[in-house]
Protein backbone atom coordinates (compact mmCIF):
# COMPACT_ATOMS: atom_id res chain seq x y z
CA MET A 1 8.03 -44.76 13.44
CA GLY A 2 7.16 -42.08 10.86
CA THR A 3 5.13 -38.90 11.22
CA SER A 4 1.42 -39.65 11.54
CA GLY A 5 -1.28 -38.34 9.23
CA ASN A 6 -2.72 -36.16 11.99
CA GLU A 7 0.69 -34.62 12.65
CA LEU A 8 1.18 -33.92 8.94
CA THR A 9 -2.27 -32.30 8.79
CA GLU A 10 -1.37 -30.06 11.71
CA ILE A 11 1.95 -29.06 10.11
CA VAL A 12 0.42 -28.26 6.71
CA GLY A 13 -2.44 -26.39 8.36
CA ARG A 14 0.08 -23.96 9.85
CA VAL A 15 1.44 -22.99 6.40
CA VAL A 16 0.67 -19.31 5.75
CA GLU A 17 -0.99 -18.57 2.41
CA PRO A 18 1.09 -15.69 0.96
CA GLU A 19 -1.74 -13.61 -0.53
CA LEU A 20 -4.15 -13.69 2.40
CA ARG A 21 -1.35 -13.89 5.01
CA ARG A 22 -3.31 -16.38 7.08
CA ASP A 23 -2.67 -20.06 7.68
CA LEU A 24 -4.50 -22.70 5.67
CA HIS A 25 -6.37 -24.05 8.67
CA THR A 26 -7.71 -20.65 9.75
CA MET A 27 -8.94 -19.87 6.22
CA GLY A 28 -10.58 -23.28 5.77
CA MET A 29 -8.44 -23.98 2.69
CA LEU A 30 -7.02 -27.37 3.72
CA ARG A 31 -9.14 -30.21 2.33
CA GLU A 32 -7.05 -33.33 2.73
CA VAL A 33 -3.68 -34.59 3.92
CA SER A 34 -3.06 -38.30 3.37
CA LEU A 35 0.06 -40.47 3.56
CA THR A 36 0.40 -43.55 1.35
CA SER A 37 3.66 -45.48 0.91
CA GLY A 38 5.75 -42.44 1.83
CA THR A 39 3.90 -40.03 -0.47
CA VAL A 40 1.93 -37.22 1.14
CA HIS A 41 -1.05 -36.05 -0.89
CA VAL A 42 -2.33 -32.58 0.01
CA VAL A 43 -5.54 -31.03 -1.34
CA VAL A 44 -6.01 -27.26 -0.95
CA ALA A 45 -9.13 -25.29 -1.91
CA LEU A 46 -8.25 -21.91 -3.47
CA PRO A 47 -10.51 -18.85 -3.07
CA SER A 48 -10.66 -18.31 -6.86
CA GLU A 49 -9.79 -20.07 -10.10
CA ASP A 50 -7.15 -17.49 -11.06
CA TRP A 51 -5.38 -17.57 -7.70
CA PRO A 52 -1.85 -16.21 -8.29
CA ALA A 53 0.13 -17.89 -5.52
CA THR A 54 -0.21 -21.58 -6.39
CA GLU A 55 3.48 -22.14 -7.17
CA THR A 56 4.63 -20.34 -4.03
CA LEU A 57 2.06 -22.15 -1.92
CA THR A 58 3.12 -25.52 -3.35
CA ASN A 59 6.74 -24.77 -2.43
CA LEU A 60 5.77 -23.74 1.10
CA ILE A 61 3.72 -26.91 1.65
CA GLU A 62 6.49 -29.12 0.31
CA ALA A 63 9.11 -27.41 2.47
CA SER A 64 6.97 -27.77 5.60
CA ILE A 65 6.80 -31.59 5.48
CA ALA A 66 9.55 -32.78 3.12
CA THR A 67 11.96 -33.48 6.00
CA GLN A 68 9.42 -35.24 8.21
CA GLU A 69 10.22 -38.84 9.06
CA GLY A 70 8.69 -41.29 6.61
CA VAL A 71 7.96 -38.68 3.92
CA LYS A 72 9.50 -39.56 0.56
CA ALA A 73 7.46 -37.35 -1.77
CA VAL A 74 4.81 -34.62 -1.64
CA SER A 75 1.93 -34.14 -4.06
CA VAL A 76 -0.17 -30.96 -3.93
CA GLU A 77 -3.56 -30.71 -5.65
CA PHE A 78 -5.72 -27.59 -5.91
CA THR A 79 -9.49 -27.24 -6.07
CA VAL A 80 -11.64 -24.10 -5.93
CA MET A 81 -13.92 -23.01 -3.10
CA GLY A 82 -17.64 -22.74 -3.62
CA GLU A 83 -19.48 -19.41 -3.41
CA ALA A 84 -20.48 -19.87 0.23
CA GLU A 85 -16.89 -20.64 1.20
CA GLN A 86 -15.60 -17.61 -0.68
CA ALA A 87 -18.14 -15.43 1.13
CA ALA A 88 -16.94 -16.87 4.44
CA VAL A 89 -13.32 -15.95 3.57
CA ARG A 90 -14.33 -12.41 2.69
CA GLU A 91 -16.43 -11.98 5.80
CA GLN A 92 -13.65 -13.29 8.02
CA LEU A 93 -11.15 -10.81 6.55
CA ILE A 94 -13.12 -7.58 5.96
CA GLY A 95 -16.74 -8.13 6.96
CA ASP A 96 -19.95 -8.19 4.95
CA PRO A 97 -20.16 -5.69 2.04
CA SER A 98 -23.64 -6.70 0.91
CA SER A 99 -25.49 -3.49 1.73
CA SER A 100 -25.28 0.03 0.33
CA ALA A 101 -23.24 3.03 1.44
CA GLY A 102 -23.07 3.87 5.11
CA THR A 103 -24.63 6.92 6.66
CA GLN A 104 -21.50 8.35 8.27
CA GLN A 105 -18.30 9.78 6.80
CA THR A 106 -16.15 6.89 7.98
CA HIS A 107 -18.62 4.17 7.00
CA GLY A 108 -17.61 2.06 4.06
CA HIS A 109 -19.95 0.78 1.44
CA ALA A 110 -21.34 -1.70 3.93
CA GLU A 111 -23.79 -0.05 6.27
CA GLY A 112 -22.15 0.40 9.65
CA ARG A 113 -18.77 -1.03 8.59
CA ALA A 114 -16.28 1.71 9.37
CA ILE A 115 -13.18 2.44 7.32
CA PRO A 116 -10.55 0.59 9.37
CA PHE A 117 -7.91 3.32 9.10
CA ALA A 118 -10.27 5.85 10.69
CA GLU A 119 -10.99 3.81 13.80
CA ALA A 120 -9.51 5.00 17.08
CA GLY A 121 -7.62 1.80 17.83
CA ASN A 122 -6.16 1.34 14.35
CA SER A 123 -2.35 1.45 14.34
CA THR A 124 -1.79 2.13 10.62
CA ARG A 125 -0.09 5.44 9.97
CA VAL A 126 -1.65 7.10 6.92
CA LEU A 127 0.44 9.54 4.88
CA LEU A 128 -1.25 11.58 2.14
CA ILE A 129 1.28 12.56 -0.53
CA ALA A 130 0.14 15.85 -2.08
CA SER A 131 1.31 18.49 -4.53
CA GLY A 132 -0.11 21.78 -5.72
CA LYS A 133 0.36 20.91 -9.38
CA GLY A 134 1.36 18.02 -11.60
CA GLY A 135 4.84 17.31 -12.88
CA VAL A 136 6.73 17.64 -9.59
CA GLY A 137 7.37 13.89 -9.23
CA LYS A 138 4.79 13.18 -6.52
CA SER A 139 4.09 9.61 -7.66
CA SER A 140 7.81 8.79 -7.96
CA VAL A 141 8.26 10.07 -4.42
CA THR A 142 5.31 7.98 -3.21
CA ALA A 143 6.56 4.74 -4.79
CA ASN A 144 10.16 5.10 -3.63
CA LEU A 145 9.27 6.29 -0.13
CA ALA A 146 6.92 3.33 0.28
CA ILE A 147 9.68 0.93 -0.76
CA ALA A 148 12.14 2.63 1.59
CA LEU A 149 9.68 2.08 4.44
CA ALA A 150 9.23 -1.56 3.42
CA GLN A 151 13.02 -1.99 3.37
CA ARG A 152 12.99 -1.03 7.04
CA GLY A 153 10.82 -4.06 7.73
CA LEU A 154 7.52 -2.18 7.82
CA ARG A 155 4.35 -3.51 6.21
CA THR A 156 3.60 -0.83 3.64
CA ALA A 157 0.80 -0.22 1.15
CA ILE A 158 -0.23 2.42 -1.39
CA VAL A 159 -3.62 3.69 -2.48
CA ASP A 160 -3.19 5.29 -5.89
CA ALA A 161 -5.86 7.97 -5.54
CA ASP A 162 -4.61 9.95 -8.55
CA VAL A 163 -7.64 8.71 -10.46
CA TRP A 164 -6.95 10.67 -13.65
CA GLY A 165 -3.18 10.18 -13.70
CA PHE A 166 -2.73 6.74 -12.14
CA SER A 167 0.84 5.48 -12.45
CA ILE A 168 1.72 3.59 -9.26
CA PRO A 169 1.25 0.05 -10.71
CA ARG A 170 3.71 0.81 -13.54
CA MET A 171 6.20 2.46 -11.19
CA LEU A 172 6.15 -0.42 -8.71
CA GLY A 173 6.52 -3.03 -11.42
CA VAL A 174 3.12 -4.68 -10.87
CA GLU A 175 2.60 -7.32 -13.54
CA ARG A 176 -0.91 -8.64 -12.84
CA PRO A 177 -4.31 -7.38 -11.70
CA PRO A 178 -5.55 -7.89 -8.15
CA THR A 179 -7.59 -10.96 -7.25
CA VAL A 180 -11.25 -10.69 -6.24
CA ILE A 181 -12.95 -12.95 -3.70
CA ASP A 182 -16.68 -12.34 -3.42
CA GLN A 183 -16.39 -8.54 -3.85
CA MET A 184 -13.23 -8.36 -1.71
CA VAL A 185 -10.08 -7.24 -3.52
CA VAL A 186 -6.74 -8.75 -2.58
CA PRO A 187 -4.13 -6.10 -3.48
CA VAL A 188 -1.10 -6.90 -5.59
CA GLU A 189 2.34 -6.75 -3.98
CA ALA A 190 5.51 -5.66 -5.76
CA ASN A 191 8.89 -4.79 -4.25
CA GLY A 192 7.46 -5.38 -0.79
CA VAL A 193 4.57 -2.90 -1.21
CA ARG A 194 0.89 -3.71 -1.67
CA CYS A 195 -1.16 -1.37 -3.85
CA ILE A 196 -4.55 -0.65 -5.32
CA SER A 197 -5.15 1.74 -8.21
CA MET A 198 -7.69 2.87 -10.74
CA GLY A 199 -5.13 1.52 -13.19
CA PHE A 200 -6.40 -1.98 -12.39
CA PHE A 201 -9.93 -1.08 -13.43
CA ALA A 202 -9.38 1.14 -16.48
CA ARG A 203 -7.24 0.73 -19.58
CA GLU A 204 -4.03 2.73 -19.40
CA ASP A 205 -4.87 4.71 -22.55
CA GLN A 206 -8.48 5.47 -21.56
CA PRO A 207 -9.49 8.60 -19.60
CA VAL A 208 -11.51 8.32 -16.41
CA ILE A 209 -14.44 10.72 -16.87
CA TRP A 210 -16.21 10.65 -13.54
CA ARG A 211 -18.06 13.20 -11.45
CA GLY A 212 -17.50 13.74 -7.74
CA PRO A 213 -19.96 11.13 -6.34
CA MET A 214 -18.46 8.32 -8.44
CA LEU A 215 -14.94 9.28 -7.38
CA HIS A 216 -16.08 9.40 -3.76
CA LYS A 217 -17.57 5.91 -4.04
CA ALA A 218 -14.47 4.44 -5.72
CA LEU A 219 -12.17 5.78 -3.02
CA GLU A 220 -14.51 4.49 -0.34
CA GLN A 221 -14.30 1.00 -1.81
CA PHE A 222 -10.51 1.22 -2.11
CA LEU A 223 -10.45 1.64 1.66
CA THR A 224 -13.18 -0.79 2.74
CA ASP A 225 -13.36 -3.56 0.14
CA VAL A 226 -9.62 -4.28 -0.03
CA HIS A 227 -7.88 -6.80 2.23
CA TRP A 228 -5.15 -4.42 3.45
CA ASP A 229 -4.33 -6.60 6.46
CA ASP A 230 -3.40 -3.78 8.84
CA PRO A 231 -0.24 -2.34 7.27
CA ASP A 232 2.14 -0.26 9.38
CA TYR A 233 2.08 2.51 6.77
CA LEU A 234 -0.50 3.41 4.14
CA LEU A 235 0.64 6.00 1.60
CA VAL A 236 -2.03 7.70 -0.51
CA ASP A 237 -0.90 9.24 -3.81
CA LEU A 238 -3.28 12.18 -4.20
CA PRO A 239 -4.07 13.90 -7.49
CA PRO A 240 -2.52 17.36 -7.87
CA GLY A 241 -4.42 20.29 -6.43
CA THR A 242 -7.27 20.53 -3.94
CA GLY A 243 -10.29 18.90 -5.59
CA ASP A 244 -13.01 16.44 -4.63
CA ILE A 245 -10.68 13.49 -4.03
CA SER A 246 -8.54 15.31 -1.50
CA LEU A 247 -11.65 16.49 0.31
CA SER A 248 -13.20 13.00 0.36
CA LEU A 249 -10.02 11.44 1.73
CA SER A 250 -9.78 14.05 4.45
CA GLN A 251 -13.24 12.89 5.55
CA PHE A 252 -12.48 9.18 5.22
CA LEU A 253 -9.07 9.40 6.92
CA PRO A 254 -9.27 12.08 9.61
CA LYS A 255 -6.10 10.84 11.37
CA SER A 256 -3.94 11.05 8.26
CA GLU A 257 -0.89 13.30 7.84
CA LEU A 258 0.09 15.30 4.76
CA LEU A 259 3.47 15.29 3.03
CA VAL A 260 3.72 18.11 0.48
CA VAL A 261 5.92 17.55 -2.57
CA THR A 262 7.30 20.57 -4.38
CA THR A 263 10.29 21.65 -6.48
CA PRO A 264 12.80 24.43 -5.74
CA GLN A 265 10.98 26.91 -7.99
CA PRO A 266 9.20 29.72 -6.13
CA ALA A 267 6.20 29.33 -8.46
CA ALA A 268 5.85 25.63 -7.55
CA GLN A 269 6.25 26.48 -3.87
CA LYS A 270 3.35 28.94 -3.95
CA VAL A 271 1.06 26.43 -5.64
CA ALA A 272 2.05 23.64 -3.22
CA GLN A 273 1.22 25.96 -0.36
CA ARG A 274 -2.44 25.80 -1.35
CA ALA A 275 -2.53 22.02 -0.85
CA ALA A 276 -1.11 22.49 2.64
CA PHE A 277 -3.59 25.23 3.50
CA MET A 278 -6.44 22.99 2.33
CA ALA A 279 -5.25 20.28 4.73
CA GLU A 280 -5.20 22.72 7.60
CA LYS A 281 -8.75 23.88 6.81
CA VAL A 282 -10.03 20.29 7.12
CA ASN A 283 -8.02 19.66 10.31
CA LEU A 284 -5.35 17.40 8.83
CA THR A 285 -1.79 17.54 10.10
CA VAL A 286 0.82 18.78 7.63
CA ARG A 287 3.78 16.63 8.62
CA ALA A 288 6.61 17.74 6.33
CA VAL A 289 7.72 19.07 2.95
CA ILE A 290 9.68 17.07 0.35
CA GLU A 291 11.63 18.95 -2.32
CA ASN A 292 12.11 17.03 -5.57
CA MET A 293 14.46 17.87 -8.48
CA SER A 294 16.65 19.85 -6.07
CA TRP A 295 19.82 19.61 -8.13
CA PHE A 296 21.52 17.79 -10.96
CA ARG A 297 24.97 16.36 -10.42
CA GLY A 298 27.10 16.68 -13.54
CA ASP A 299 29.91 14.43 -14.75
CA ASP A 300 32.29 16.83 -13.04
CA GLY A 301 30.72 15.99 -9.67
CA LYS A 302 29.30 19.48 -9.17
CA ARG A 303 25.71 20.26 -8.28
CA TYR A 304 23.70 22.32 -10.75
CA GLU A 305 20.47 23.82 -9.42
CA ILE A 306 18.53 23.73 -12.66
CA PHE A 307 15.20 24.75 -11.13
CA GLY A 308 16.62 27.26 -8.69
CA SER A 309 16.94 26.70 -4.97
CA GLY A 310 15.22 27.30 -1.68
CA GLY A 311 11.60 26.57 -2.62
CA GLY A 312 11.20 23.56 -0.37
CA GLU A 313 12.94 25.18 2.56
CA ALA A 314 10.84 28.34 2.19
CA LEU A 315 7.61 26.32 2.06
CA ALA A 316 8.58 24.30 5.13
CA GLU A 317 9.38 27.48 7.02
CA GLU A 318 6.09 29.06 5.95
CA LEU A 319 4.14 26.02 7.16
CA GLY A 320 6.17 25.56 10.33
CA VAL A 321 7.11 21.96 9.46
CA PRO A 322 10.43 20.23 8.71
CA LEU A 323 11.94 19.79 5.25
CA LEU A 324 11.95 15.99 5.18
CA GLY A 325 14.39 15.64 2.29
CA GLN A 326 15.76 17.02 -0.96
CA ILE A 327 15.83 14.63 -3.90
CA PRO A 328 18.22 15.20 -6.82
CA LEU A 329 17.20 15.19 -10.46
CA VAL A 330 18.63 11.95 -11.87
CA PRO A 331 17.69 10.06 -15.06
CA GLU A 332 17.65 6.76 -13.16
CA LEU A 333 14.72 7.91 -11.04
CA ARG A 334 12.60 8.56 -14.13
CA GLU A 335 13.84 5.48 -16.01
CA GLY A 336 13.16 3.20 -13.03
CA GLY A 337 9.59 4.42 -12.80
CA ASP A 338 8.99 3.79 -16.50
CA VAL A 339 10.10 0.14 -16.35
CA GLY A 340 8.92 -0.80 -12.86
CA ARG A 341 12.35 -0.81 -11.23
CA PRO A 342 12.28 2.07 -8.71
CA ILE A 343 15.70 3.46 -7.85
CA THR A 344 15.37 2.28 -4.24
CA VAL A 345 15.37 -1.27 -5.64
CA ALA A 346 17.52 -0.91 -8.76
CA ASP A 347 20.35 1.01 -7.06
CA PRO A 348 19.81 0.95 -3.28
CA THR A 349 23.24 2.41 -2.51
CA SER A 350 22.87 5.43 -4.82
CA GLU A 351 22.68 8.97 -3.49
CA THR A 352 18.98 9.20 -4.34
CA ALA A 353 18.03 5.87 -2.76
CA THR A 354 20.00 6.80 0.34
CA ILE A 355 17.99 10.03 0.63
CA PHE A 356 14.73 8.07 0.44
CA GLY A 357 16.07 5.74 3.13
CA GLU A 358 16.87 8.69 5.36
CA MET A 359 13.40 10.15 4.86
CA ALA A 360 11.90 6.79 5.87
CA ARG A 361 14.12 6.78 8.97
CA LEU A 362 13.05 10.29 9.94
CA LEU A 363 9.37 9.41 9.56
CA THR A 364 9.69 6.31 11.72
CA GLU A 365 12.05 7.65 14.37
CA GLU A 366 11.74 11.43 14.63
CA TYR A 367 8.70 12.89 12.83
CA LEU A 368 6.09 10.82 14.58
CA PRO A 369 2.35 11.53 14.77
CA THR A 370 1.06 13.56 17.67
CA ARG A 371 -0.70 11.38 20.20
CA ARG A 372 -4.13 12.82 20.82
CA TYR A 373 -5.65 10.18 23.07
CA ASN A 374 -4.74 7.56 25.63
CA GLU A 375 -6.72 4.31 25.65
CA GLY A 376 -5.90 3.87 29.34
CA LEU A 377 -7.66 7.07 30.39
CA LYS A 378 -11.28 6.74 31.44
CA LEU A 379 -13.91 9.23 32.53
CA VAL A 380 -15.80 8.43 35.72
């Protein structure tokens, strides 16, 4: 006796949709599973017409039932959800965004809907990647550190908050825009890292000419209107300096920790120090310093300290935090970012990739956030 139609429906309903990371039954996407003369016909309703995961989803459905007794072939058909169904998907995943901005710092653009990463019980560790000035490789550090964390089996995401100099999508190798379901954005994943960026909403060659309130609103929506799905780590690539964006994010993400990126030059160290002091003034924890472009290794195997030495160590000592890592100056790091093949993916056994891996290990095993509360403690 072959597998029954009800059993096949139950099996297919447990298939996890790769973009939403929920099973088909839970998301109300499964429309029909029928068995006729050994052929299983499956109908799935997609949340949007341009849904990117149809091929992957087809393969997952076929694999789930192809070996069941009595199944000779599998046919998968896709339809599109109606507006009410799309709204139900959005509300199930992130809530209702229909109203205007909230009245509190941690409220998202839906009244009363808090930014999830700011809530007391949220387990996502938020790392703000900052620098005092541009050109120190902050975005390269962000992309490769995120991938190194993902390679350790951690669910990792990036908010590209460098609104004027967005580059994370290119560096990660993102090849398509995010998908939108009834005002909810489903972030794109590349190399194991999900990301959202102004680069998805503005042409790469066009400047973003926005005042503070518009920037504030955009960042707010990046945090509340995106289906982040509770990552273990959220890295935020800040713009250089100490402007409006850094201040807004310190309000939105009061539990976040700051990683300061600098180069060995004393001049760069002094400028980076300002970013750290800003964090301290708004009660953020400065977790560590990362020194980029620390040395160049020549064909003779020797290290050449092109930009001097000691800047990162001096800054870490000044701030009373550890020096998380020193990253060499290598052409492959720059080239990988330009073509969307970060060095942690393109050459995972290289010296540079190994350093990123060690920084990820230190963050997850040794340099942990300070625990400020205990959910088990109660006042009587």
